């Protein structure tokens, strides 16, 4: 059985789901009519996939990964997008320690973040 949790604020909805073993399903964050970000697998063994759905956004898109001290450990840009879906894959280098990281996707002036847990 999967239990789902939703926490909503003035402009966003956070969703997580876990089964009886405590395994967390993809983390999804939606901002009001802007875009949605899914991360999978999470926790990750070194490779994390990101799917960004942005029905109305246009602009340059980028992915940045930060550690808990706020240091940028990874960054990539993928040109200009005009709505639709976009996929990113982060292959954490061996020098990146296990832990909790913050993934930030930026599209134009908008951004959304998700927690990524790295365990090897």
PDB file of N, CA and C in Angstrom:
ATOM      1  N   UNK A   1       0.837  -1.182   0.000  1.00  0.00           N
ATOM      2  CA  UNK A   1       0.000   0.000   0.000  1.00  0.00           C
ATOM      3  C   UNK A   1       0.876   1.238   0.000  1.00  0.00           C
ATOM      4  N   UNK A   2       0.499   2.231  -0.772  1.00  0.00           N
ATOM      5  CA  UNK A   2       1.246   3.474  -0.862  1.00  0.00           C
ATOM      6  C   UNK A   2       0.471   4.565  -0.149  1.00  0.00           C
ATOM      7  N   UNK A   3       1.174   5.280   0.743  1.00  0.00           N
ATOM      8  CA  UNK A   3       0.577   6.419   1.413  1.00  0.00           C
ATOM      9  C   UNK A   3       1.118   7.677   0.770  1.00  0.00           C
ATOM     10  N   UNK A   4       0.260   8.626   0.507  1.00  0.00           N
ATOM     11  CA  UNK A   4       0.687   9.875  -0.114  1.00  0.00           C
ATOM     12  C   UNK A   4       0.466  11.031   0.844  1.00  0.00           C
ATOM     13  N   UNK A   5       1.332  12.006   0.763  1.00  0.00           N
ATOM     14  CA  UNK A   5       1.240  13.197   1.594  1.00  0.00           C
ATOM     15  C   UNK A   5       1.275  14.411   0.689  1.00  0.00           C
ATOM     16  N   UNK A   6       0.416  15.353   0.942  1.00  0.00           N
ATOM     17  CA  UNK A   6       0.429  16.612   0.192  1.00  0.00           C
ATOM     18  C   UNK A   6       0.419  17.761   1.174  1.00  0.00           C
ATOM     19  N   UNK A   7       1.293  18.722   0.952  1.00  0.00           N
ATOM     20  CA  UNK A   7       1.358  19.928   1.771  1.00  0.00           C
ATOM     21  C   UNK A   7       1.227  21.090   0.810  1.00  0.00           C
ATOM     22  N   UNK A   8       0.236  21.927   1.022  1.00  0.00           N
ATOM     23  CA  UNK A   8       0.073  23.038   0.084  1.00  0.00           C
ATOM     24  C   UNK A   8       0.286  24.365   0.782  1.00  0.00           C
ATOM     25  N   UNK A   9       0.828  25.278   0.041  1.00  0.00           N
ATOM     26  CA  UNK A   9       1.038  26.635   0.499  1.00  0.00           C
ATOM     27  C   UNK A   9       0.334  27.572  -0.452  1.00  0.00           C
ATOM     28  N   UNK A  10       0.607  28.869  -0.363  1.00  0.00           N
ATOM     29  CA  UNK A  10      -0.110  29.819  -1.200  1.00  0.00           C
ATOM     30  C   UNK A  10       0.111  29.629  -2.697  1.00  0.00           C
ATOM     31  N   UNK A  11       1.280  29.115  -3.101  1.00  0.00           N
ATOM     32  CA  UNK A  11       1.543  29.012  -4.540  1.00  0.00           C
ATOM     33  C   UNK A  11       2.098  27.672  -4.960  1.00  0.00           C
ATOM     34  N   UNK A  12       2.152  26.688  -4.063  1.00  0.00           N
ATOM     35  CA  UNK A  12       2.762  25.437  -4.477  1.00  0.00           C
ATOM     36  C   UNK A  12       2.179  24.238  -3.738  1.00  0.00           C
ATOM     37  N   UNK A  13       2.421  23.064  -4.302  1.00  0.00           N
ATOM     38  CA  UNK A  13       1.995  21.802  -3.712  1.00  0.00           C
ATOM     39  C   UNK A  13       3.192  20.870  -3.713  1.00  0.00           C
ATOM     40  N   UNK A  14       3.510  20.302  -2.547  1.00  0.00           N
ATOM     41  CA  UNK A  14       4.592  19.337  -2.425  1.00  0.00           C
ATOM     42  C   UNK A  14       3.959  17.971  -2.261  1.00  0.00           C
ATOM     43  N   UNK A  15       4.449  16.953  -2.964  1.00  0.00           N
ATOM     44  CA  UNK A  15       3.874  15.621  -2.861  1.00  0.00           C
ATOM     45  C   UNK A  15       4.980  14.596  -2.694  1.00  0.00           C
ATOM     46  N   UNK A  16       4.792  13.701  -1.743  1.00  0.00           N
ATOM     47  CA  UNK A  16       5.660  12.539  -1.625  1.00  0.00           C
ATOM     48  C   UNK A  16       4.775  11.340  -1.351  1.00  0.00           C
ATOM     49  N   UNK A  17       5.257  10.172  -1.657  1.00  0.00           N
ATOM     50  CA  UNK A  17       4.519   8.950  -1.381  1.00  0.00           C
ATOM     51  C   UNK A  17       5.515   7.888  -0.950  1.00  0.00           C
ATOM     52  N   UNK A  18       5.142   7.095   0.031  1.00  0.00           N
ATOM     53  CA  UNK A  18       6.018   6.010   0.456  1.00  0.00           C
ATOM     54  C   UNK A  18       5.184   4.768   0.715  1.00  0.00           C
ATOM     55  N   UNK A  19       5.797   3.612   0.484  1.00  0.00           N
ATOM     56  CA  UNK A  19       5.091   2.361   0.722  1.00  0.00           C
ATOM     57  C   UNK A  19       5.378   1.876   2.142  1.00  0.00           C
ATOM     58  N   UNK A  20       4.915   0.687   2.490  1.00  0.00           N
ATOM     59  CA  UNK A  20       5.046   0.165   3.849  1.00  0.00           C
ATOM     60  C   UNK A  20       6.506  -0.040   4.259  1.00  0.00           C
ATOM     61  N   UNK A  21       7.415  -0.133   3.304  1.00  0.00           N
ATOM     62  CA  UNK A  21       8.836  -0.278   3.605  1.00  0.00           C
ATOM     63  C   UNK A  21       9.520   1.068   3.770  1.00  0.00           C
ATOM     64  N   UNK A  22       8.780   2.156   3.583  1.00  0.00           N
ATOM     65  CA  UNK A  22       9.350   3.479   3.720  1.00  0.00           C
ATOM     66  C   UNK A  22      10.063   3.975   2.483  1.00  0.00           C
ATOM     67  N   UNK A  23       9.873   3.301   1.357  1.00  0.00           N
ATOM     68  CA  UNK A  23      10.519   3.709   0.111  1.00  0.00           C
ATOM     69  C   UNK A  23       9.746   4.890  -0.462  1.00  0.00           C
ATOM     70  N   UNK A  24      10.458   5.974  -0.715  1.00  0.00           N
ATOM     71  CA  UNK A  24       9.825   7.198  -1.194  1.00  0.00           C
ATOM     72  C   UNK A  24       9.760   7.186  -2.710  1.00  0.00           C
ATOM     73  N   UNK A  25       8.597   7.504  -3.234  1.00  0.00           N
ATOM     74  CA  UNK A  25       8.384   7.608  -4.672  1.00  0.00           C
ATOM     75  C   UNK A  25       8.857   8.980  -5.145  1.00  0.00           C
ATOM     76  N   UNK A  26       8.842   9.221  -6.454  1.00  0.00           N
ATOM     77  CA  UNK A  26       9.344  10.501  -6.962  1.00  0.00           C
ATOM     78  C   UNK A  26       8.740  11.698  -6.248  1.00  0.00           C
ATOM     79  N   UNK A  27       9.608  12.656  -5.931  1.00  0.00           N
ATOM     80  CA  UNK A  27       9.213  13.906  -5.298  1.00  0.00           C
ATOM     81  C   UNK A  27       8.735  14.843  -6.399  1.00  0.00           C
ATOM     82  N   UNK A  28       7.562  15.424  -6.225  1.00  0.00           N
ATOM     83  CA  UNK A  28       7.017  16.324  -7.239  1.00  0.00           C
ATOM     84  C   UNK A  28       6.694  17.651  -6.583  1.00  0.00           C
ATOM     85  N   UNK A  29       7.085  18.706  -7.190  1.00  0.00           N
ATOM     86  CA  UNK A  29       6.723  20.029  -6.714  1.00  0.00           C
ATOM     87  C   UNK A  29       6.060  20.762  -7.855  1.00  0.00           C
ATOM     88  N   UNK A  30       4.910  21.359  -7.591  1.00  0.00           N
ATOM     89  CA  UNK A  30       4.228  22.129  -8.610  1.00  0.00           C
ATOM     90  C   UNK A  30       4.071  23.561  -8.132  1.00  0.00           C
ATOM     91  N   UNK A  31       4.372  24.504  -8.980  1.00  0.00           N
ATOM     92  CA  UNK A  31       4.092  25.891  -8.682  1.00  0.00           C
ATOM     93  C   UNK A  31       2.898  26.303  -9.509  1.00  0.00           C
ATOM     94  N   UNK A  32       2.112  27.184  -8.982  1.00  0.00           N
ATOM     95  CA  UNK A  32       0.819  27.538  -9.570  1.00  0.00           C
ATOM     96  C   UNK A  32       0.926  27.843 -11.067  1.00  0.00           C
ATOM     97  N   UNK A  33       0.418  26.937 -11.878  1.00  0.00           N
ATOM     98  CA  UNK A  33       0.352  27.096 -13.327  1.00  0.00           C
ATOM     99  C   UNK A  33       1.677  27.455 -13.983  1.00  0.00           C
ATOM    100  N   UNK A  34       2.785  27.110 -13.361  1.00  0.00           N
ATOM    101  CA  UNK A  34       4.074  27.467 -13.930  1.00  0.00           C
ATOM    102  C   UNK A  34       4.775  26.234 -14.458  1.00  0.00           C
ATOM    103  N   UNK A  35       5.346  25.416 -13.569  1.00  0.00           N
ATOM    104  CA  UNK A  35       5.958  24.176 -14.015  1.00  0.00           C
ATOM    105  C   UNK A  35       6.089  23.201 -12.872  1.00  0.00           C
ATOM    106  N   UNK A  36       6.334  21.930 -13.237  1.00  0.00           N
ATOM    107  CA  UNK A  36       6.440  20.847 -12.264  1.00  0.00           C
ATOM    108  C   UNK A  36       7.773  20.140 -12.455  1.00  0.00           C
ATOM    109  N   UNK A  37       8.332  19.653 -11.340  1.00  0.00           N
ATOM    110  CA  UNK A  37       9.619  18.962 -11.360  1.00  0.00           C
ATOM    111  C   UNK A  37       9.468  17.616 -10.671  1.00  0.00           C
ATOM    112  N   UNK A  38       9.894  16.548 -11.336  1.00  0.00           N
ATOM    113  CA  UNK A  38       9.927  15.212 -10.754  1.00  0.00           C
ATOM    114  C   UNK A  38      11.375  14.735 -10.716  1.00  0.00           C
ATOM    115  N   UNK A  39      11.763  14.057  -9.621  1.00  0.00           N
ATOM    116  CA  UNK A  39      13.098  13.470  -9.522  1.00  0.00           C
ATOM    117  C   UNK A  39      12.951  11.979  -9.299  1.00  0.00           C
ATOM    118  N   UNK A  40      13.774  11.175  -9.987  1.00  0.00           N
ATOM    119  CA  UNK A  40      13.707   9.730  -9.825  1.00  0.00           C
ATOM    120  C   UNK A  40      15.003   9.102 -10.300  1.00  0.00           C
ATOM    121  N   UNK A  41      15.503   8.059  -9.700  1.00  0.00           N
ATOM    122  CA  UNK A  41      15.056   7.572  -8.389  1.00  0.00           C
ATOM    123  C   UNK A  41      15.529   8.524  -7.301  1.00  0.00           C
ATOM    124  N   UNK A  42      14.841   8.514  -6.198  1.00  0.00           N
ATOM    125  CA  UNK A  42      15.203   9.364  -5.075  1.00  0.00           C
ATOM    126  C   UNK A  42      14.783   8.656  -3.799  1.00  0.00           C
ATOM    127  N   UNK A  43      15.710   8.089  -3.030  1.00  0.00           N
ATOM    128  CA  UNK A  43      17.149   8.264  -3.057  1.00  0.00           C
ATOM    129  C   UNK A  43      17.797   7.677  -4.313  1.00  0.00           C
ATOM    130  N   UNK A  44      18.977   8.211  -4.612  1.00  0.00           N
ATOM    131  CA  UNK A  44      19.705   7.843  -5.813  1.00  0.00           C
ATOM    132  C   UNK A  44      21.011   7.150  -5.455  1.00  0.00           C
ATOM    133  N   UNK A  45      21.448   6.252  -6.334  1.00  0.00           N
ATOM    134  CA  UNK A  45      22.743   5.590  -6.130  1.00  0.00           C
ATOM    135  C   UNK A  45      23.852   6.278  -6.913  1.00  0.00           C
ATOM    136  N   UNK A  46      23.574   7.445  -7.448  1.00  0.00           N
ATOM    137  CA  UNK A  46      24.579   8.190  -8.202  1.00  0.00           C
ATOM    138  C   UNK A  46      24.041   8.802  -9.466  1.00  0.00           C
ATOM    139  N   UNK A  47      22.962   8.253 -10.011  1.00  0.00           N
ATOM    140  CA  UNK A  47      22.334   8.796 -11.207  1.00  0.00           C
ATOM    141  C   UNK A  47      20.909   9.204 -10.871  1.00  0.00           C
ATOM    142  N   UNK A  48      20.604  10.480 -11.068  1.00  0.00           N
ATOM    143  CA  UNK A  48      19.264  10.997 -10.791  1.00  0.00           C
ATOM    144  C   UNK A  48      18.721  11.625 -12.055  1.00  0.00           C
ATOM    145  N   UNK A  49      17.467  11.326 -12.357  1.00  0.00           N
ATOM    146  CA  UNK A  49      16.791  11.885 -13.517  1.00  0.00           C
ATOM    147  C   UNK A  49      15.816  12.961 -13.060  1.00  0.00           C
ATOM    148  N   UNK A  50      15.708  14.002 -13.849  1.00  0.00           N
ATOM    149  CA  UNK A  50      14.799  15.103 -13.567  1.00  0.00           C
ATOM    150  C   UNK A  50      13.905  15.301 -14.775  1.00  0.00           C
ATOM    151  N   UNK A  51      12.602  15.392 -14.544  1.00  0.00           N
ATOM    152  CA  UNK A  51      11.663  15.723 -15.609  1.00  0.00           C
ATOM    153  C   UNK A  51      11.002  17.039 -15.235  1.00  0.00           C
ATOM    154  N   UNK A  52      11.075  17.993 -16.136  1.00  0.00           N
ATOM    155  CA  UNK A  52      10.480  19.303 -15.937  1.00  0.00           C
ATOM    156  C   UNK A  52       9.333  19.442 -16.927  1.00  0.00           C
ATOM    157  N   UNK A  53       8.146  19.748 -16.410  1.00  0.00           N
ATOM    158  CA  UNK A  53       6.989  20.006 -17.274  1.00  0.00           C
ATOM    159  C   UNK A  53       6.640  21.477 -17.134  1.00  0.00           C
ATOM    160  N   UNK A  54       6.659  22.178 -18.247  1.00  0.00           N
ATOM    161  CA  UNK A  54       6.431  23.625 -18.222  1.00  0.00           C
ATOM    162  C   UNK A  54       5.492  24.022 -19.348  1.00  0.00           C
ATOM    163  N   UNK A  55       4.185  23.978 -19.110  1.00  0.00           N
ATOM    164  CA  UNK A  55       3.231  24.204 -20.194  1.00  0.00           C
ATOM    165  C   UNK A  55       3.293  25.590 -20.814  1.00  0.00           C
ATOM    166  N   UNK A  56       3.659  26.610 -20.036  1.00  0.00           N
ATOM    167  CA  UNK A  56       3.593  27.964 -20.587  1.00  0.00           C
ATOM    168  C   UNK A  56       4.908  28.725 -20.519  1.00  0.00           C
ATOM    169  N   UNK A  57       5.938  28.150 -19.903  1.00  0.00           N
ATOM    170  CA  UNK A  57       7.192  28.875 -19.724  1.00  0.00           C
ATOM    171  C   UNK A  57       8.093  28.811 -20.945  1.00  0.00           C
ATOM    172  N   UNK A  58       8.772  29.897 -21.203  1.00  0.00           N
ATOM    173  CA  UNK A  58       9.815  29.931 -22.224  1.00  0.00           C
ATOM    174  C   UNK A  58      11.037  30.618 -21.635  1.00  0.00           C
ATOM    175  N   UNK A  59      12.190  30.282 -22.132  1.00  0.00           N
ATOM    176  CA  UNK A  59      13.425  30.902 -21.676  1.00  0.00           C
ATOM    177  C   UNK A  59      14.544  29.901 -21.600  1.00  0.00           C
ATOM    178  N   UNK A  60      15.694  30.351 -21.130  1.00  0.00           N
ATOM    179  CA  UNK A  60      16.835  29.457 -20.940  1.00  0.00           C
ATOM    180  C   UNK A  60      16.552  28.542 -19.759  1.00  0.00           C
ATOM    181  N   UNK A  61      16.960  27.271 -19.876  1.00  0.00           N
ATOM    182  CA  UNK A  61      16.730  26.303 -18.807  1.00  0.00           C
ATOM    183  C   UNK A  61      18.074  25.795 -18.291  1.00  0.00           C
ATOM    184  N   UNK A  62      18.149  25.647 -16.958  1.00  0.00           N
ATOM    185  CA  UNK A  62      19.383  25.146 -16.359  1.00  0.00           C
ATOM    186  C   UNK A  62      19.062  24.292 -15.143  1.00  0.00           C
ATOM    187  N   UNK A  63      20.001  23.422 -14.808  1.00  0.00           N
ATOM    188  CA  UNK A  63      19.935  22.584 -13.606  1.00  0.00           C
ATOM    189  C   UNK A  63      21.180  22.870 -12.789  1.00  0.00           C
ATOM    190  N   UNK A  64      20.992  23.167 -11.494  1.00  0.00           N
ATOM    191  CA  UNK A  64      22.102  23.353 -10.573  1.00  0.00           C
ATOM    192  C   UNK A  64      21.870  22.478  -9.358  1.00  0.00           C
ATOM    193  N   UNK A  65      22.939  21.851  -8.848  1.00  0.00           N
ATOM    194  CA  UNK A  65      22.869  20.997  -7.665  1.00  0.00           C
ATOM    195  C   UNK A  65      23.740  21.635  -6.591  1.00  0.00           C
ATOM    196  N   UNK A  66      23.181  21.773  -5.384  1.00  0.00           N
ATOM    197  CA  UNK A  66      23.886  22.379  -4.255  1.00  0.00           C
ATOM    198  C   UNK A  66      23.940  21.401  -3.091  1.00  0.00           C
ATOM    199  N   UNK A  67      25.049  21.451  -2.326  1.00  0.00           N
ATOM    200  CA  UNK A  67      25.093  20.666  -1.094  1.00  0.00           C
ATOM    201  C   UNK A  67      24.428  21.482   0.017  1.00  0.00           C
ATOM    202  N   UNK A  68      24.345  20.921   1.224  1.00  0.00           N
ATOM    203  CA  UNK A  68      23.659  21.595   2.318  1.00  0.00           C
ATOM    204  C   UNK A  68      24.381  22.838   2.829  1.00  0.00           C
ATOM    205  N   UNK A  69      25.630  23.010   2.437  1.00  0.00           N
ATOM    206  CA  UNK A  69      26.378  24.217   2.802  1.00  0.00           C
ATOM    207  C   UNK A  69      26.184  25.326   1.759  1.00  0.00           C
ATOM    208  N   UNK A  70      25.395  25.045   0.718  1.00  0.00           N
ATOM    209  CA  UNK A  70      25.125  26.030  -0.322  1.00  0.00           C
ATOM    210  C   UNK A  70      26.159  26.084  -1.420  1.00  0.00           C
ATOM    211  N   UNK A  71      27.089  25.126  -1.437  1.00  0.00           N
ATOM    212  CA  UNK A  71      28.110  25.083  -2.482  1.00  0.00           C
ATOM    213  C   UNK A  71      27.544  24.397  -3.722  1.00  0.00           C
ATOM    214  N   UNK A  72      27.764  25.005  -4.880  1.00  0.00           N
ATOM    215  CA  UNK A  72      27.313  24.409  -6.136  1.00  0.00           C
ATOM    216  C   UNK A  72      28.239  23.252  -6.474  1.00  0.00           C
ATOM    217  N   UNK A  73      27.677  22.042  -6.633  1.00  0.00           N
ATOM    218  CA  UNK A  73      28.484  20.862  -6.964  1.00  0.00           C
ATOM    219  C   UNK A  73      28.295  20.426  -8.412  1.00  0.00           C
ATOM    220  N   UNK A  74      27.278  20.980  -9.086  1.00  0.00           N
ATOM    221  CA  UNK A  74      27.010  20.602 -10.482  1.00  0.00           C
ATOM    222  C   UNK A  74      26.166  21.700 -11.124  1.00  0.00           C
ATOM    223  N   UNK A  75      26.398  21.954 -12.388  1.00  0.00           N
ATOM    224  CA  UNK A  75      25.580  22.908 -13.135  1.00  0.00           C
ATOM    225  C   UNK A  75      25.611  22.551 -14.612  1.00  0.00           C
ATOM    226  N   UNK A  76      24.475  22.709 -15.264  1.00  0.00           N
ATOM    227  CA  UNK A  76      24.395  22.517 -16.705  1.00  0.00           C
ATOM    228  C   UNK A  76      23.286  23.402 -17.253  1.00  0.00           C
ATOM    229  N   UNK A  77      23.448  23.856 -18.481  1.00  0.00           N
ATOM    230  CA  UNK A  77      22.423  24.618 -19.181  1.00  0.00           C
ATOM    231  C   UNK A  77      22.060  23.857 -20.439  1.00  0.00           C
ATOM    232  N   UNK A  78      20.823  24.026 -20.871  1.00  0.00           N
ATOM    233  CA  UNK A  78      20.395  23.310 -22.063  1.00  0.00           C
ATOM    234  C   UNK A  78      19.633  24.207 -23.024  1.00  0.00           C
ATOM    235  N   UNK A  79      20.120  25.412 -23.203  1.00  0.00           N
ATOM    236  CA  UNK A  79      19.550  26.297 -24.209  1.00  0.00           C
ATOM    237  C   UNK A  79      18.180  26.840 -23.860  1.00  0.00           C
ATOM    238  N   UNK A  80      17.438  27.209 -24.887  1.00  0.00           N
ATOM    239  CA  UNK A  80      16.124  27.825 -24.733  1.00  0.00           C
ATOM    240  C   UNK A  80      15.030  26.796 -24.946  1.00  0.00           C
ATOM    241  N   UNK A  81      13.994  26.872 -24.112  1.00  0.00           N
ATOM    242  CA  UNK A  81      12.835  25.992 -24.246  1.00  0.00           C
ATOM    243  C   UNK A  81      11.587  26.831 -24.441  1.00  0.00           C
ATOM    244  N   UNK A  82      10.589  26.242 -25.072  1.00  0.00           N
ATOM    245  CA  UNK A  82       9.306  26.899 -25.307  1.00  0.00           C
ATOM    246  C   UNK A  82       8.181  25.985 -24.855  1.00  0.00           C
ATOM    247  N   UNK A  83       8.047  25.812 -23.552  1.00  0.00           N
ATOM    248  CA  UNK A  83       6.997  24.954 -23.020  1.00  0.00           C
ATOM    249  C   UNK A  83       7.299  23.484 -23.251  1.00  0.00           C
ATOM    250  N   UNK A  84       6.420  22.612 -22.792  1.00  0.00           N
ATOM    251  CA  UNK A  84       6.574  21.175 -22.969  1.00  0.00           C
ATOM    252  C   UNK A  84       7.339  20.527 -21.828  1.00  0.00           C
ATOM    253  N   UNK A  85       8.029  19.434 -22.115  1.00  0.00           N
ATOM    254  CA  UNK A  85       8.790  18.688 -21.110  1.00  0.00           C
ATOM    255  C   UNK A  85      10.275  18.693 -21.451  1.00  0.00           C
ATOM    256  N   UNK A  86      11.086  18.606 -20.423  1.00  0.00           N
ATOM    257  CA  UNK A  86      12.533  18.556 -20.590  1.00  0.00           C
ATOM    258  C   UNK A  86      13.091  17.572 -19.579  1.00  0.00           C
ATOM    259  N   UNK A  87      14.079  16.786 -19.982  1.00  0.00           N
ATOM    260  CA  UNK A  87      14.711  15.802 -19.103  1.00  0.00           C
ATOM    261  C   UNK A  87      16.175  16.163 -18.887  1.00  0.00           C
ATOM    262  N   UNK A  88      16.626  15.985 -17.642  1.00  0.00           N
ATOM    263  CA  UNK A  88      18.032  16.120 -17.275  1.00  0.00           C
ATOM    264  C   UNK A  88      18.443  14.854 -16.545  1.00  0.00           C
ATOM    265  N   UNK A  89      19.702  14.493 -16.647  1.00  0.00           N
ATOM    266  CA  UNK A  89      20.265  13.396 -15.858  1.00  0.00           C
ATOM    267  C   UNK A  89      21.512  13.909 -15.168  1.00  0.00           C
ATOM    268  N   UNK A  90      21.579  13.686 -13.846  1.00  0.00           N
ATOM    269  CA  UNK A  90      22.771  14.043 -13.066  1.00  0.00           C
ATOM    270  C   UNK A  90      23.478  12.750 -12.686  1.00  0.00           C
ATOM    271  N   UNK A  91      24.679  12.567 -13.199  1.00  0.00           N
ATOM    272  CA  UNK A  91      25.535  11.452 -12.815  1.00  0.00           C
ATOM    273  C   UNK A  91      26.555  11.987 -11.824  1.00  0.00           C
ATOM    274  N   UNK A  92      26.277  11.786 -10.543  1.00  0.00           N
ATOM    275  CA  UNK A  92      27.151  12.328  -9.499  1.00  0.00           C
ATOM    276  C   UNK A  92      28.525  11.686  -9.595  1.00  0.00           C
ATOM    277  N   UNK A  93      29.548  12.519  -9.642  1.00  0.00           N
ATOM    278  CA  UNK A  93      30.917  12.027  -9.707  1.00  0.00           C
ATOM    279  C   UNK A  93      31.264  11.278  -8.424  1.00  0.00           C
ATOM    280  N   UNK A  94      32.264  10.420  -8.497  1.00  0.00           N
ATOM    281  CA  UNK A  94      32.685   9.647  -7.329  1.00  0.00           C
ATOM    282  C   UNK A  94      33.134  10.549  -6.187  1.00  0.00           C
ATOM    283  N   UNK A  95      33.592  11.754  -6.500  1.00  0.00           N
ATOM    284  CA  UNK A  95      34.052  12.672  -5.456  1.00  0.00           C
ATOM    285  C   UNK A  95      32.898  13.324  -4.695  1.00  0.00           C
ATOM    286  N   UNK A  96      31.670  13.186  -5.182  1.00  0.00           N
ATOM    287  CA  UNK A  96      30.497  13.749  -4.501  1.00  0.00           C
ATOM    288  C   UNK A  96      30.084  12.791  -3.393  1.00  0.00           C
ATOM    289  N   UNK A  97      30.061  13.278  -2.156  1.00  0.00           N
ATOM    290  CA  UNK A  97      29.763  12.442  -0.988  1.00  0.00           C
ATOM    291  C   UNK A  97      28.281  12.108  -0.894  1.00  0.00           C
ATOM    292  N   UNK A  98      27.982  11.000  -0.233  1.00  0.00           N
ATOM    293  CA  UNK A  98      26.599  10.669   0.090  1.00  0.00           C
ATOM    294  C   UNK A  98      26.014  11.805   0.918  1.00  0.00           C
ATOM    295  N   UNK A  99      24.728  12.058   0.752  1.00  0.00           N
ATOM    296  CA  UNK A  99      24.088  13.104   1.540  1.00  0.00           C
ATOM    297  C   UNK A  99      22.865  13.657   0.853  1.00  0.00           C
ATOM    298  N   UNK A 100      22.423  14.796   1.353  1.00  0.00           N
ATOM    299  CA  UNK A 100      21.232  15.466   0.841  1.00  0.00           C
ATOM    300  C   UNK A 100      21.680  16.669   0.018  1.00  0.00           C
ATOM    301  N   UNK A 101      21.089  16.800  -1.154  1.00  0.00           N
ATOM    302  CA  UNK A 101      21.414  17.882  -2.071  1.00  0.00           C
ATOM    303  C   UNK A 101      20.143  18.588  -2.505  1.00  0.00           C
ATOM    304  N   UNK A 102      20.292  19.814  -2.960  1.00  0.00           N
ATOM    305  CA  UNK A 102      19.178  20.605  -3.464  1.00  0.00           C
ATOM    306  C   UNK A 102      19.365  20.779  -4.961  1.00  0.00           C
ATOM    307  N   UNK A 103      18.392  20.325  -5.740  1.00  0.00           N
ATOM    308  CA  UNK A 103      18.412  20.503  -7.188  1.00  0.00           C
ATOM    309  C   UNK A 103      17.534  21.704  -7.520  1.00  0.00           C
ATOM    310  N   UNK A 104      18.064  22.610  -8.309  1.00  0.00           N
ATOM    311  CA  UNK A 104      17.323  23.812  -8.690  1.00  0.00           C
ATOM    312  C   UNK A 104      17.245  23.870 -10.206  1.00  0.00           C
ATOM    313  N   UNK A 105      16.031  23.898 -10.719  1.00  0.00           N
ATOM    314  CA  UNK A 105      15.794  24.067 -12.152  1.00  0.00           C
ATOM    315  C   UNK A 105      15.347  25.511 -12.357  1.00  0.00           C
ATOM    316  N   UNK A 106      15.986  26.190 -13.298  1.00  0.00           N
ATOM    317  CA  UNK A 106      15.612  27.563 -13.617  1.00  0.00           C
ATOM    318  C   UNK A 106      15.167  27.623 -15.069  1.00  0.00           C
ATOM    319  N   UNK A 107      14.020  28.273 -15.287  1.00  0.00           N
ATOM    320  CA  UNK A 107      13.519  28.535 -16.632  1.00  0.00           C
ATOM    321  C   UNK A 107      13.215  30.025 -16.684  1.00  0.00           C
ATOM    322  N   UNK A 108      13.998  30.750 -17.458  1.00  0.00           N
ATOM    323  CA  UNK A 108      13.835  32.198 -17.474  1.00  0.00           C
ATOM    324  C   UNK A 108      14.033  32.751 -16.071  1.00  0.00           C
ATOM    325  N   UNK A 109      13.047  33.512 -15.578  1.00  0.00           N
ATOM    326  CA  UNK A 109      13.122  34.108 -14.245  1.00  0.00           C
ATOM    327  C   UNK A 109      12.505  33.220 -13.173  1.00  0.00           C
ATOM    328  N   UNK A 110      11.928  32.077 -13.543  1.00  0.00           N
ATOM    329  CA  UNK A 110      11.271  31.161 -12.602  1.00  0.00           C
ATOM    330  C   UNK A 110      12.237  30.068 -12.172  1.00  0.00           C
ATOM    331  N   UNK A 111      12.054  29.561 -10.955  1.00  0.00           N
ATOM    332  CA  UNK A 111      12.862  28.431 -10.504  1.00  0.00           C
ATOM    333  C   UNK A 111      12.042  27.547  -9.589  1.00  0.00           C
ATOM    334  N   UNK A 112      12.451  26.292  -9.508  1.00  0.00           N
ATOM    335  CA  UNK A 112      11.819  25.316  -8.628  1.00  0.00           C
ATOM    336  C   UNK A 112      12.926  24.423  -8.089  1.00  0.00           C
ATOM    337  N   UNK A 113      12.759  23.935  -6.844  1.00  0.00           N
ATOM    338  CA  UNK A 113      13.806  23.141  -6.211  1.00  0.00           C
ATOM    339  C   UNK A 113      13.231  21.839  -5.688  1.00  0.00           C
ATOM    340  N   UNK A 114      14.093  20.830  -5.579  1.00  0.00           N
ATOM    341  CA  UNK A 114      13.725  19.530  -5.016  1.00  0.00           C
ATOM    342  C   UNK A 114      14.909  18.965  -4.269  1.00  0.00           C
ATOM    343  N   UNK A 115      14.604  18.233  -3.206  1.00  0.00           N
ATOM    344  CA  UNK A 115      15.644  17.566  -2.427  1.00  0.00           C
ATOM    345  C   UNK A 115      16.020  16.264  -3.134  1.00  0.00           C
ATOM    346  N   UNK A 116      17.336  16.000  -3.199  1.00  0.00           N
ATOM    347  CA  UNK A 116      17.846  14.761  -3.780  1.00  0.00           C
ATOM    348  C   UNK A 116      18.732  14.100  -2.726  1.00  0.00           C
ATOM    349  N   UNK A 117      18.470  12.823  -2.450  1.00  0.00           N
ATOM    350  CA  UNK A 117      19.274  12.072  -1.489  1.00  0.00           C
ATOM    351  C   UNK A 117      20.197  11.146  -2.269  1.00  0.00           C
ATOM    352  N   UNK A 118      21.507  11.267  -2.020  1.00  0.00           N
ATOM    353  CA  UNK A 118      22.511  10.460  -2.698  1.00  0.00           C
ATOM    354  C   UNK A 118      23.039   9.400  -1.735  1.00  0.00           C
ATOM    355  N   UNK A 119      22.847   8.144  -2.080  1.00  0.00           N
ATOM    356  CA  UNK A 119      23.357   7.019  -1.279  1.00  0.00           C
ATOM    357  C   UNK A 119      23.987   6.011  -2.236  1.00  0.00           C
ATOM    358  N   UNK A 120      25.200   5.611  -1.942  1.00  0.00           N
ATOM    359  CA  UNK A 120      25.874   4.642  -2.828  1.00  0.00           C
ATOM    360  C   UNK A 120      26.227   3.413  -2.052  1.00  0.00           C
TER     361      UNK A 120
END
